[in-house]
Amino acid sequence: ETWSLTEDNLVVPEGRYYVLGDNREHS
């Protein structure tokens, strides 16, 4: 499952990208 240490609510800035590993608990 996709958990985070903090509450991740954000707007991706222009020219940037949000990336995640498929192994969500070990990435």
mmCIF file of all heavy atoms, coordinates in Angstrom:
data_MODEL
# 
_entry.id   MODEL 
# 
loop_
_atom_site.group_PDB 
_atom_site.id 
_atom_site.type_symbol 
_atom_site.label_atom_id 
_atom_site.label_alt_id 
_atom_site.label_comp_id 
_atom_site.label_asym_id 
_atom_site.label_entity_id 
_atom_site.label_seq_id 
_atom_site.pdbx_PDB_ins_code 
_atom_site.Cartn_x 
_atom_site.Cartn_y 
_atom_site.Cartn_z 
_atom_site.occupancy 
_atom_site.B_iso_or_equiv 
_atom_site.pdbx_formal_charge 
_atom_site.auth_seq_id 
_atom_site.auth_comp_id 
_atom_site.auth_asym_id 
_atom_site.auth_atom_id 
_atom_site.pdbx_PDB_model_num 
ATOM 1   N N   . GLU A 1 1  ? 0.830  -1.198 0.000   1.00 0.00 ? 1  GLU A N   1 
ATOM 2   C CA  . GLU A 1 1  ? 0.000  0.000  0.000   1.00 0.00 ? 1  GLU A CA  1 
ATOM 3   C C   . GLU A 1 1  ? 0.871  1.257  0.000   1.00 0.00 ? 1  GLU A C   1 
ATOM 4   O O   . GLU A 1 1  ? 2.027  1.224  0.419   1.00 0.00 ? 1  GLU A O   1 
ATOM 5   C CB  . GLU A 1 1  ? -0.927 -0.005 1.218   1.00 0.00 ? 1  GLU A CB  1 
ATOM 6   C CG  . GLU A 1 1  ? -1.936 -1.158 1.182   1.00 0.00 ? 1  GLU A CG  1 
ATOM 7   C CD  . GLU A 1 1  ? -2.926 -1.077 2.330   1.00 0.00 ? 1  GLU A CD  1 
ATOM 8   O OE1 . GLU A 1 1  ? -2.493 -0.802 3.472   1.00 0.00 ? 1  GLU A OE1 1 
ATOM 9   O OE2 . GLU A 1 1  ? -4.128 -1.291 2.088   1.00 0.00 ? 1  GLU A OE2 1 
ATOM 10  N N   . THR A 1 2  ? 0.272  2.340  -0.477  1.00 0.00 ? 2  THR A N   1 
ATOM 11  C CA  . THR A 1 2  ? 1.021  3.589  -0.644  1.00 0.00 ? 2  THR A CA  1 
ATOM 12  C C   . THR A 1 2  ? 0.869  4.463  0.595   1.00 0.00 ? 2  THR A C   1 
ATOM 13  O O   . THR A 1 2  ? -0.079 5.244  0.717   1.00 0.00 ? 2  THR A O   1 
ATOM 14  C CB  . THR A 1 2  ? 0.531  4.344  -1.890  1.00 0.00 ? 2  THR A CB  1 
ATOM 15  O OG1 . THR A 1 2  ? 0.516  3.448  -3.011  1.00 0.00 ? 2  THR A OG1 1 
ATOM 16  C CG2 . THR A 1 2  ? 1.452  5.517  -2.205  1.00 0.00 ? 2  THR A CG2 1 
ATOM 17  N N   . TRP A 1 3  ? 1.806  4.319  1.508   1.00 0.00 ? 3  TRP A N   1 
ATOM 18  C CA  . TRP A 1 3  ? 1.811  5.133  2.720   1.00 0.00 ? 3  TRP A CA  1 
ATOM 19  C C   . TRP A 1 3  ? 2.948  6.142  2.662   1.00 0.00 ? 3  TRP A C   1 
ATOM 20  O O   . TRP A 1 3  ? 3.898  5.988  1.924   1.00 0.00 ? 3  TRP A O   1 
ATOM 21  C CB  . TRP A 1 3  ? 1.969  4.256  3.957   1.00 0.00 ? 3  TRP A CB  1 
ATOM 22  C CG  . TRP A 1 3  ? 0.865  3.262  4.138   1.00 0.00 ? 3  TRP A CG  1 
ATOM 23  C CD1 . TRP A 1 3  ? 0.938  1.919  3.940   1.00 0.00 ? 3  TRP A CD1 1 
ATOM 24  C CD2 . TRP A 1 3  ? -0.486 3.531  4.527   1.00 0.00 ? 3  TRP A CD2 1 
ATOM 25  N NE1 . TRP A 1 3  ? -0.267 1.318  4.176   1.00 0.00 ? 3  TRP A NE1 1 
ATOM 26  C CE2 . TRP A 1 3  ? -1.178 2.283  4.547   1.00 0.00 ? 3  TRP A CE2 1 
ATOM 27  C CE3 . TRP A 1 3  ? -1.188 4.691  4.860   1.00 0.00 ? 3  TRP A CE3 1 
ATOM 28  C CZ2 . TRP A 1 3  ? -2.510 2.175  4.889   1.00 0.00 ? 3  TRP A CZ2 1 
ATOM 29  C CZ3 . TRP A 1 3  ? -2.526 4.585  5.201   1.00 0.00 ? 3  TRP A CZ3 1 
ATOM 30  C CH2 . TRP A 1 3  ? -3.177 3.340  5.214   1.00 0.00 ? 3  TRP A CH2 1 
ATOM 31  N N   . SER A 1 4  ? 2.849  7.163  3.482   1.00 0.00 ? 4  SER A N   1 
ATOM 32  C CA  . SER A 1 4  ? 3.901  8.169  3.560   1.00 0.00 ? 4  SER A CA  1 
ATOM 33  C C   . SER A 1 4  ? 4.115  8.552  5.017   1.00 0.00 ? 4  SER A C   1 
ATOM 34  O O   . SER A 1 4  ? 3.215  8.414  5.854   1.00 0.00 ? 4  SER A O   1 
ATOM 35  C CB  . SER A 1 4  ? 3.531  9.402  2.747   1.00 0.00 ? 4  SER A CB  1 
ATOM 36  O OG  . SER A 1 4  ? 4.539  10.383 2.850   1.00 0.00 ? 4  SER A OG  1 
ATOM 37  N N   . LEU A 1 5  ? 5.297  9.032  5.331   1.00 0.00 ? 5  LEU A N   1 
ATOM 38  C CA  . LEU A 1 5  ? 5.598  9.463  6.700   1.00 0.00 ? 5  LEU A CA  1 
ATOM 39  C C   . LEU A 1 5  ? 4.830  10.721 7.058   1.00 0.00 ? 5  LEU A C   1 
ATOM 40  O O   . LEU A 1 5  ? 4.571  11.008 8.218   1.00 0.00 ? 5  LEU A O   1 
ATOM 41  C CB  . LEU A 1 5  ? 7.108  9.717  6.857   1.00 0.00 ? 5  LEU A CB  1 
ATOM 42  C CG  . LEU A 1 5  ? 8.006  8.487  6.678   1.00 0.00 ? 5  LEU A CG  1 
ATOM 43  C CD1 . LEU A 1 5  ? 9.478  8.901  6.766   1.00 0.00 ? 5  LEU A CD1 1 
ATOM 44  C CD2 . LEU A 1 5  ? 7.698  7.432  7.734   1.00 0.00 ? 5  LEU A CD2 1 
ATOM 45  N N   . THR A 1 6  ? 4.474  11.460 6.034   1.00 0.00 ? 6  THR A N   1 
ATOM 46  C CA  . THR A 1 6  ? 3.695  12.689 6.239   1.00 0.00 ? 6  THR A CA  1 
ATOM 47  C C   . THR A 1 6  ? 2.450  12.625 5.356   1.00 0.00 ? 6  THR A C   1 
ATOM 48  O O   . THR A 1 6  ? 2.345  11.781 4.455   1.00 0.00 ? 6  THR A O   1 
ATOM 49  C CB  . THR A 1 6  ? 4.509  13.934 5.867   1.00 0.00 ? 6  THR A CB  1 
ATOM 50  O OG1 . THR A 1 6  ? 4.891  13.854 4.483   1.00 0.00 ? 6  THR A OG1 1 
ATOM 51  C CG2 . THR A 1 6  ? 5.757  14.035 6.731   1.00 0.00 ? 6  THR A CG2 1 
ATOM 52  N N   . GLU A 1 7  ? 1.511  13.486 5.616   1.00 0.00 ? 7  GLU A N   1 
ATOM 53  C CA  . GLU A 1 7  ? 0.307  13.560 4.785   1.00 0.00 ? 7  GLU A CA  1 
ATOM 54  C C   . GLU A 1 7  ? 0.673  14.251 3.480   1.00 0.00 ? 7  GLU A C   1 
ATOM 55  O O   . GLU A 1 7  ? 0.882  15.464 3.454   1.00 0.00 ? 7  GLU A O   1 
ATOM 56  C CB  . GLU A 1 7  ? -0.801 14.336 5.512   1.00 0.00 ? 7  GLU A CB  1 
ATOM 57  C CG  . GLU A 1 7  ? -2.145 14.287 4.791   1.00 0.00 ? 7  GLU A CG  1 
ATOM 58  C CD  . GLU A 1 7  ? -2.764 12.901 4.755   1.00 0.00 ? 7  GLU A CD  1 
ATOM 59  O OE1 . GLU A 1 7  ? -2.413 12.069 5.618   1.00 0.00 ? 7  GLU A OE1 1 
ATOM 60  O OE2 . GLU A 1 7  ? -3.591 12.654 3.860   1.00 0.00 ? 7  GLU A OE2 1 
ATOM 61  N N   . ASP A 1 8  ? 0.791  13.479 2.401   1.00 0.00 ? 8  ASP A N   1 
ATOM 62  C CA  . ASP A 1 8  ? 1.241  14.033 1.125   1.00 0.00 ? 8  ASP A CA  1 
ATOM 63  C C   . ASP A 1 8  ? 0.054  14.581 0.325   1.00 0.00 ? 8  ASP A C   1 
ATOM 64  O O   . ASP A 1 8  ? -0.706 13.836 -0.282  1.00 0.00 ? 8  ASP A O   1 
ATOM 65  C CB  . ASP A 1 8  ? 1.973  12.964 0.303   1.00 0.00 ? 8  ASP A CB  1 
ATOM 66  C CG  . ASP A 1 8  ? 3.474  13.031 0.503   1.00 0.00 ? 8  ASP A CG  1 
ATOM 67  O OD1 . ASP A 1 8  ? 3.919  13.872 1.285   1.00 0.00 ? 8  ASP A OD1 1 
ATOM 68  O OD2 . ASP A 1 8  ? 4.187  12.228 -0.120  1.00 0.00 ? 8  ASP A OD2 1 
ATOM 69  N N   . ASN A 1 9  ? -0.117 15.861 0.366   1.00 0.00 ? 9  ASN A N   1 
ATOM 70  C CA  . ASN A 1 9  ? -1.081 16.551 -0.480  1.00 0.00 ? 9  ASN A CA  1 
ATOM 71  C C   . ASN A 1 9  ? -0.322 17.683 -1.146  1.00 0.00 ? 9  ASN A C   1 
ATOM 72  O O   . ASN A 1 9  ? 0.086  18.627 -0.478  1.00 0.00 ? 9  ASN A O   1 
ATOM 73  C CB  . ASN A 1 9  ? -2.254 17.114 0.333   1.00 0.00 ? 9  ASN A CB  1 
ATOM 74  C CG  . ASN A 1 9  ? -3.050 16.019 1.020   1.00 0.00 ? 9  ASN A CG  1 
ATOM 75  O OD1 . ASN A 1 9  ? -3.231 14.945 0.459   1.00 0.00 ? 9  ASN A OD1 1 
ATOM 76  N ND2 . ASN A 1 9  ? -3.516 16.279 2.229   1.00 0.00 ? 9  ASN A ND2 1 
ATOM 77  N N   . LEU A 1 10 ? -0.125 17.583 -2.438  1.00 0.00 ? 10 LEU A N   1 
ATOM 78  C CA  . LEU A 1 10 ? 0.671  18.630 -3.097  1.00 0.00 ? 10 LEU A CA  1 
ATOM 79  C C   . LEU A 1 10 ? 0.276  18.773 -4.551  1.00 0.00 ? 10 LEU A C   1 
ATOM 80  O O   . LEU A 1 10 ? -0.285 17.856 -5.159  1.00 0.00 ? 10 LEU A O   1 
ATOM 81  C CB  . LEU A 1 10 ? 2.165  18.300 -3.001  1.00 0.00 ? 10 LEU A CB  1 
ATOM 82  C CG  . LEU A 1 10 ? 2.666  17.026 -3.675  1.00 0.00 ? 10 LEU A CG  1 
ATOM 83  C CD1 . LEU A 1 10 ? 3.102  17.310 -5.107  1.00 0.00 ? 10 LEU A CD1 1 
ATOM 84  C CD2 . LEU A 1 10 ? 3.833  16.420 -2.908  1.00 0.00 ? 10 LEU A CD2 1 
ATOM 85  N N   . VAL A 1 11 ? 0.585  19.943 -5.070  1.00 0.00 ? 11 VAL A N   1 
ATOM 86  C CA  . VAL A 1 11 ? 0.416  20.202 -6.493  1.00 0.00 ? 11 VAL A CA  1 
ATOM 87  C C   . VAL A 1 11 ? 1.802  20.080 -7.131  1.00 0.00 ? 11 VAL A C   1 
ATOM 88  O O   . VAL A 1 11 ? 2.753  20.724 -6.685  1.00 0.00 ? 11 VAL A O   1 
ATOM 89  C CB  . VAL A 1 11 ? -0.170 21.596 -6.753  1.00 0.00 ? 11 VAL A CB  1 
ATOM 90  C CG1 . VAL A 1 11 ? -0.223 21.873 -8.259  1.00 0.00 ? 11 VAL A CG1 1 
ATOM 91  C CG2 . VAL A 1 11 ? -1.562 21.708 -6.145  1.00 0.00 ? 11 VAL A CG2 1 
ATOM 92  N N   . VAL A 1 12 ? 1.907  19.231 -8.146  1.00 0.00 ? 12 VAL A N   1 
ATOM 93  C CA  . VAL A 1 12 ? 3.195  19.031 -8.813  1.00 0.00 ? 12 VAL A CA  1 
ATOM 94  C C   . VAL A 1 12 ? 3.581  20.327 -9.525  1.00 0.00 ? 12 VAL A C   1 
ATOM 95  O O   . VAL A 1 12 ? 2.823  20.824 -10.372 1.00 0.00 ? 12 VAL A O   1 
ATOM 96  C CB  . VAL A 1 12 ? 3.132  17.869 -9.818  1.00 0.00 ? 12 VAL A CB  1 
ATOM 97  C CG1 . VAL A 1 12 ? 4.487  17.665 -10.470 1.00 0.00 ? 12 VAL A CG1 1 
ATOM 98  C CG2 . VAL A 1 12 ? 2.668  16.592 -9.120  1.00 0.00 ? 12 VAL A CG2 1 
ATOM 99  N N   . PRO A 1 13 ? 4.742  20.893 -9.204  1.00 0.00 ? 13 PRO A N   1 
ATOM 100 C CA  . PRO A 1 13 ? 5.147  22.164 -9.830  1.00 0.00 ? 13 PRO A CA  1 
ATOM 101 C C   . PRO A 1 13 ? 5.344  22.019 -11.338 1.00 0.00 ? 13 PRO A C   1 
ATOM 102 O O   . PRO A 1 13 ? 5.580  20.915 -11.854 1.00 0.00 ? 13 PRO A O   1 
ATOM 103 C CB  . PRO A 1 13 ? 6.483  22.484 -9.131  1.00 0.00 ? 13 PRO A CB  1 
ATOM 104 C CG  . PRO A 1 13 ? 6.465  21.692 -7.867  1.00 0.00 ? 13 PRO A CG  1 
ATOM 105 C CD  . PRO A 1 13 ? 5.698  20.447 -8.177  1.00 0.00 ? 13 PRO A CD  1 
ATOM 106 N N   . GLU A 1 14 ? 5.258  23.129 -12.026 1.00 0.00 ? 14 GLU A N   1 
ATOM 107 C CA  . GLU A 1 14 ? 5.471  23.146 -13.473 1.00 0.00 ? 14 GLU A CA  1 
ATOM 108 C C   . GLU A 1 14 ? 6.881  22.664 -13.797 1.00 0.00 ? 14 GLU A C   1 
ATOM 109 O O   . GLU A 1 14 ? 7.856  23.072 -13.163 1.00 0.00 ? 14 GLU A O   1 
ATOM 110 C CB  . GLU A 1 14 ? 5.270  24.555 -14.016 1.00 0.00 ? 14 GLU A CB  1 
ATOM 111 C CG  . GLU A 1 14 ? 5.197  24.629 -15.525 1.00 0.00 ? 14 GLU A CG  1 
ATOM 112 C CD  . GLU A 1 14 ? 3.986  23.901 -16.074 1.00 0.00 ? 14 GLU A CD  1 
ATOM 113 O OE1 . GLU A 1 14 ? 2.943  23.858 -15.391 1.00 0.00 ? 14 GLU A OE1 1 
ATOM 114 O OE2 . GLU A 1 14 ? 4.097  23.366 -17.193 1.00 0.00 ? 14 GLU A OE2 1 
ATOM 115 N N   . GLY A 1 15 ? 6.983  21.776 -14.786 1.00 0.00 ? 15 GLY A N   1 
ATOM 116 C CA  . GLY A 1 15 ? 8.285  21.270 -15.209 1.00 0.00 ? 15 GLY A CA  1 
ATOM 117 C C   . GLY A 1 15 ? 8.838  20.157 -14.334 1.00 0.00 ? 15 GLY A C   1 
ATOM 118 O O   . GLY A 1 15 ? 9.981  19.726 -14.534 1.00 0.00 ? 15 GLY A O   1 
ATOM 119 N N   . ARG A 1 16 ? 8.033  19.681 -13.372 1.00 0.00 ? 16 ARG A N   1 
ATOM 120 C CA  . ARG A 1 16 ? 8.505  18.636 -12.467 1.00 0.00 ? 16 ARG A CA  1 
ATOM 121 C C   . ARG A 1 16 ? 7.523  17.462 -12.474 1.00 0.00 ? 16 ARG A C   1 
ATOM 122 O O   . ARG A 1 16 ? 6.376  17.579 -12.954 1.00 0.00 ? 16 ARG A O   1 
ATOM 123 C CB  . ARG A 1 16 ? 8.694  19.172 -11.055 1.00 0.00 ? 16 ARG A CB  1 
ATOM 124 C CG  . ARG A 1 16 ? 9.658  20.356 -10.987 1.00 0.00 ? 16 ARG A CG  1 
ATOM 125 C CD  . ARG A 1 16 ? 9.956  20.746 -9.559  1.00 0.00 ? 16 ARG A CD  1 
ATOM 126 N NE  . ARG A 1 16 ? 10.767 19.743 -8.878  1.00 0.00 ? 16 ARG A NE  1 
ATOM 127 C CZ  . ARG A 1 16 ? 12.101 19.751 -8.868  1.00 0.00 ? 16 ARG A CZ  1 
ATOM 128 N NH1 . ARG A 1 16 ? 12.769 20.695 -9.528  1.00 0.00 ? 16 ARG A NH1 1 
ATOM 129 N NH2 . ARG A 1 16 ? 12.770 18.831 -8.214  1.00 0.00 ? 16 ARG A NH2 1 
ATOM 130 N N   . TYR A 1 17 ? 7.981  16.310 -11.922 1.00 0.00 ? 17 TYR A N   1 
ATOM 131 C CA  . TYR A 1 17 ? 7.195  15.084 -11.971 1.00 0.00 ? 17 TYR A CA  1 
ATOM 132 C C   . TYR A 1 17 ? 7.266  14.357 -10.631 1.00 0.00 ? 17 TYR A C   1 
ATOM 133 O O   . TYR A 1 17 ? 8.299  14.382 -9.954  1.00 0.00 ? 17 TYR A O   1 
ATOM 134 C CB  . TYR A 1 17 ? 7.699  14.171 -13.099 1.00 0.00 ? 17 TYR A CB  1 
ATOM 135 C CG  . TYR A 1 17 ? 7.576  14.795 -14.469 1.00 0.00 ? 17 TYR A CG  1 
ATOM 136 C CD1 . TYR A 1 17 ? 8.570  15.642 -14.948 1.00 0.00 ? 17 TYR A CD1 1 
ATOM 137 C CD2 . TYR A 1 17 ? 6.449  14.579 -15.258 1.00 0.00 ? 17 TYR A CD2 1 
ATOM 138 C CE1 . TYR A 1 17 ? 8.446  16.253 -16.188 1.00 0.00 ? 17 TYR A CE1 1 
ATOM 139 C CE2 . TYR A 1 17 ? 6.321  15.181 -16.504 1.00 0.00 ? 17 TYR A CE2 1 
ATOM 140 C CZ  . TYR A 1 17 ? 7.328  16.019 -16.956 1.00 0.00 ? 17 TYR A CZ  1 
ATOM 141 O OH  . TYR A 1 17 ? 7.210  16.616 -18.174 1.00 0.00 ? 17 TYR A OH  1 
ATOM 142 N N   . TYR A 1 18 ? 6.158  13.710 -10.294 1.00 0.00 ? 18 TYR A N   1 
ATOM 143 C CA  . TYR A 1 18 ? 6.062  12.950 -9.044  1.00 0.00 ? 18 TYR A CA  1 
ATOM 144 C C   . TYR A 1 18 ? 6.228  11.471 -9.390  1.00 0.00 ? 18 TYR A C   1 
ATOM 145 O O   . TYR A 1 18 ? 5.491  10.930 -10.219 1.00 0.00 ? 18 TYR A O   1 
ATOM 146 C CB  . TYR A 1 18 ? 4.698  13.204 -8.400  1.00 0.00 ? 18 TYR A CB  1 
ATOM 147 C CG  . TYR A 1 18 ? 4.545  12.684 -6.998  1.00 0.00 ? 18 TYR A CG  1 
ATOM 148 C CD1 . TYR A 1 18 ? 4.844  13.494 -5.907  1.00 0.00 ? 18 TYR A CD1 1 
ATOM 149 C CD2 . TYR A 1 18 ? 4.075  11.400 -6.751  1.00 0.00 ? 18 TYR A CD2 1 
ATOM 150 C CE1 . TYR A 1 18 ? 4.687  13.033 -4.601  1.00 0.00 ? 18 TYR A CE1 1 
ATOM 151 C CE2 . TYR A 1 18 ? 3.914  10.933 -5.460  1.00 0.00 ? 18 TYR A CE2 1 
ATOM 152 C CZ  . TYR A 1 18 ? 4.217  11.745 -4.385  1.00 0.00 ? 18 TYR A CZ  1 
ATOM 153 O OH  . TYR A 1 18 ? 4.062  11.290 -3.099  1.00 0.00 ? 18 TYR A OH  1 
ATOM 154 N N   . VAL A 1 19 ? 7.208  10.819 -8.765  1.00 0.00 ? 19 VAL A N   1 
ATOM 155 C CA  . VAL A 1 19 ? 7.517  9.426  -9.107  1.00 0.00 ? 19 VAL A CA  1 
ATOM 156 C C   . VAL A 1 19 ? 7.388  8.534  -7.878  1.00 0.00 ? 19 VAL A C   1 
ATOM 157 O O   . VAL A 1 19 ? 7.658  8.951  -6.749  1.00 0.00 ? 19 VAL A O   1 
ATOM 158 C CB  . VAL A 1 19 ? 8.945  9.294  -9.687  1.00 0.00 ? 19 VAL A CB  1 
ATOM 159 C CG1 . VAL A 1 19 ? 9.069  10.039 -11.003 1.00 0.00 ? 19 VAL A CG1 1 
ATOM 160 C CG2 . VAL A 1 19 ? 9.998  9.782  -8.701  1.00 0.00 ? 19 VAL A CG2 1 
ATOM 161 N N   . LEU A 1 20 ? 6.966  7.288  -8.116  1.00 0.00 ? 20 LEU A N   1 
ATOM 162 C CA  . LEU A 1 20 ? 6.855  6.286  -7.059  1.00 0.00 ? 20 LEU A CA  1 
ATOM 163 C C   . LEU A 1 20 ? 7.401  4.955  -7.564  1.00 0.00 ? 20 LEU A C   1 
ATOM 164 O O   . LEU A 1 20 ? 7.317  4.656  -8.762  1.00 0.00 ? 20 LEU A O   1 
ATOM 165 C CB  . LEU A 1 20 ? 5.395  6.100  -6.622  1.00 0.00 ? 20 LEU A CB  1 
ATOM 166 C CG  . LEU A 1 20 ? 4.695  7.271  -5.918  1.00 0.00 ? 20 LEU A CG  1 
ATOM 167 C CD1 . LEU A 1 20 ? 3.225  6.925  -5.680  1.00 0.00 ? 20 LEU A CD1 1 
ATOM 168 C CD2 . LEU A 1 20 ? 5.373  7.617  -4.604  1.00 0.00 ? 20 LEU A CD2 1 
ATOM 169 N N   . GLY A 1 21 ? 7.933  4.160  -6.642  1.00 0.00 ? 21 GLY A N   1 
ATOM 170 C CA  . GLY A 1 21 ? 8.313  2.797  -6.977  1.00 0.00 ? 21 GLY A CA  1 
ATOM 171 C C   . GLY A 1 21 ? 7.090  1.905  -6.889  1.00 0.00 ? 21 GLY A C   1 
ATOM 172 O O   . GLY A 1 21 ? 6.179  2.162  -6.090  1.00 0.00 ? 21 GLY A O   1 
ATOM 173 N N   . ASP A 1 22 ? 7.024  0.861  -7.685  1.00 0.00 ? 22 ASP A N   1 
ATOM 174 C CA  . ASP A 1 22 ? 5.861  -0.033 -7.656  1.00 0.00 ? 22 ASP A CA  1 
ATOM 175 C C   . ASP A 1 22 ? 5.780  -0.818 -6.348  1.00 0.00 ? 22 ASP A C   1 
ATOM 176 O O   . ASP A 1 22 ? 4.689  -1.192 -5.916  1.00 0.00 ? 22 ASP A O   1 
ATOM 177 C CB  . ASP A 1 22 ? 5.918  -1.001 -8.848  1.00 0.00 ? 22 ASP A CB  1 
ATOM 178 C CG  . ASP A 1 22 ? 5.628  -0.294 -10.162 1.00 0.00 ? 22 ASP A CG  1 
ATOM 179 O OD1 . ASP A 1 22 ? 5.265  0.895  -10.135 1.00 0.00 ? 22 ASP A OD1 1 
ATOM 180 O OD2 . ASP A 1 22 ? 5.770  -0.939 -11.226 1.00 0.00 ? 22 ASP A OD2 1 
ATOM 181 N N   . ASN A 1 23 ? 6.918  -1.085 -5.731  1.00 0.00 ? 23 ASN A N   1 
ATOM 182 C CA  . ASN A 1 23 ? 6.951  -1.756 -4.432  1.00 0.00 ? 23 ASN A CA  1 
ATOM 183 C C   . ASN A 1 23 ? 6.808  -0.669 -3.362  1.00 0.00 ? 23 ASN A C   1 
ATOM 184 O O   . ASN A 1 23 ? 7.783  -0.219 -2.767  1.00 0.00 ? 23 ASN A O   1 
ATOM 185 C CB  . ASN A 1 23 ? 8.255  -2.534 -4.269  1.00 0.00 ? 23 ASN A CB  1 
ATOM 186 C CG  . ASN A 1 23 ? 8.240  -3.445 -3.065  1.00 0.00 ? 23 ASN A CG  1 
ATOM 187 O OD1 . ASN A 1 23 ? 7.281  -3.456 -2.280  1.00 0.00 ? 23 ASN A OD1 1 
ATOM 188 N ND2 . ASN A 1 23 ? 9.287  -4.226 -2.900  1.00 0.00 ? 23 ASN A ND2 1 
ATOM 189 N N   . ARG A 1 24 ? 5.585  -0.234 -3.133  1.00 0.00 ? 24 ARG A N   1 
ATOM 190 C CA  . ARG A 1 24 ? 5.313  0.989  -2.397  1.00 0.00 ? 24 ARG A CA  1 
ATOM 191 C C   . ARG A 1 24 ? 5.844  0.999  -0.956  1.00 0.00 ? 24 ARG A C   1 
ATOM 192 O O   . ARG A 1 24 ? 6.147  2.058  -0.419  1.00 0.00 ? 24 ARG A O   1 
ATOM 193 C CB  . ARG A 1 24 ? 3.806  1.266  -2.388  1.00 0.00 ? 24 ARG A CB  1 
ATOM 194 C CG  . ARG A 1 24 ? 3.245  1.544  -3.791  1.00 0.00 ? 24 ARG A CG  1 
ATOM 195 C CD  . ARG A 1 24 ? 3.816  2.845  -4.358  1.00 0.00 ? 24 ARG A CD  1 
ATOM 196 N NE  . ARG A 1 24 ? 3.667  2.955  -5.781  1.00 0.00 ? 24 ARG A NE  1 
ATOM 197 C CZ  . ARG A 1 24 ? 2.556  3.337  -6.398  1.00 0.00 ? 24 ARG A CZ  1 
ATOM 198 N NH1 . ARG A 1 24 ? 1.475  3.617  -5.699  1.00 0.00 ? 24 ARG A NH1 1 
ATOM 199 N NH2 . ARG A 1 24 ? 2.534  3.434  -7.706  1.00 0.00 ? 24 ARG A NH2 1 
ATOM 200 N N   . GLU A 1 25 ? 5.958  -0.157 -0.337  1.00 0.00 ? 25 GLU A N   1 
ATOM 201 C CA  . GLU A 1 25 ? 6.407  -0.187 1.049   1.00 0.00 ? 25 GLU A CA  1 
ATOM 202 C C   . GLU A 1 25 ? 7.925  -0.317 1.170   1.00 0.00 ? 25 GLU A C   1 
ATOM 203 O O   . GLU A 1 25 ? 8.457  -0.309 2.276   1.00 0.00 ? 25 GLU A O   1 
ATOM 204 C CB  . GLU A 1 25 ? 5.703  -1.321 1.792   1.00 0.00 ? 25 GLU A CB  1 
ATOM 205 C CG  . GLU A 1 25 ? 4.190  -1.109 1.878   1.00 0.00 ? 25 GLU A CG  1 
ATOM 206 C CD  . GLU A 1 25 ? 3.460  -2.263 2.555   1.00 0.00 ? 25 GLU A CD  1 
ATOM 207 O OE1 . GLU A 1 25 ? 4.154  -3.138 3.116   1.00 0.00 ? 25 GLU A OE1 1 
ATOM 208 O OE2 . GLU A 1 25 ? 2.229  -2.283 2.522   1.00 0.00 ? 25 GLU A OE2 1 
ATOM 209 N N   . HIS A 1 26 ? 8.612  -0.432 0.029   1.00 0.00 ? 26 HIS A N   1 
ATOM 210 C CA  . HIS A 1 26 ? 10.072 -0.540 0.034   1.00 0.00 ? 26 HIS A CA  1 
ATOM 211 C C   . HIS A 1 26 ? 10.651 0.264  -1.120  1.00 0.00 ? 26 HIS A C   1 
ATOM 212 O O   . HIS A 1 26 ? 11.311 -0.271 -2.005  1.00 0.00 ? 26 HIS A O   1 
ATOM 213 C CB  . HIS A 1 26 ? 10.510 -2.005 -0.070  1.00 0.00 ? 26 HIS A CB  1 
ATOM 214 C CG  . HIS A 1 26 ? 10.069 -2.852 1.078   1.00 0.00 ? 26 HIS A CG  1 
ATOM 215 N ND1 . HIS A 1 26 ? 8.838  -3.482 1.115   1.00 0.00 ? 26 HIS A ND1 1 
ATOM 216 C CD2 . HIS A 1 26 ? 10.692 -3.149 2.252   1.00 0.00 ? 26 HIS A CD2 1 
ATOM 217 C CE1 . HIS A 1 26 ? 8.719  -4.149 2.245   1.00 0.00 ? 26 HIS A CE1 1 
ATOM 218 N NE2 . HIS A 1 26 ? 9.815  -3.967 2.958   1.00 0.00 ? 26 HIS A NE2 1 
ATOM 219 N N   . SER A 1 27 ? 10.380 1.562  -1.114  1.00 0.00 ? 27 SER A N   1 
ATOM 220 C CA  . SER A 1 27 ? 10.851 2.407  -2.206  1.00 0.00 ? 27 SER A CA  1 
ATOM 221 C C   . SER A 1 27 ? 11.156 3.806  -1.699  1.00 0.00 ? 27 SER A C   1 
ATOM 222 O O   . SER A 1 27 ? 10.349 4.415  -0.990  1.00 0.00 ? 27 SER A O   1 
ATOM 223 C CB  . SER A 1 27 ? 9.808  2.474  -3.327  1.00 0.00 ? 27 SER A CB  1 
ATOM 224 O OG  . SER A 1 27 ? 10.205 3.393  -4.322  1.00 0.00 ? 27 SER A OG  1 
# 
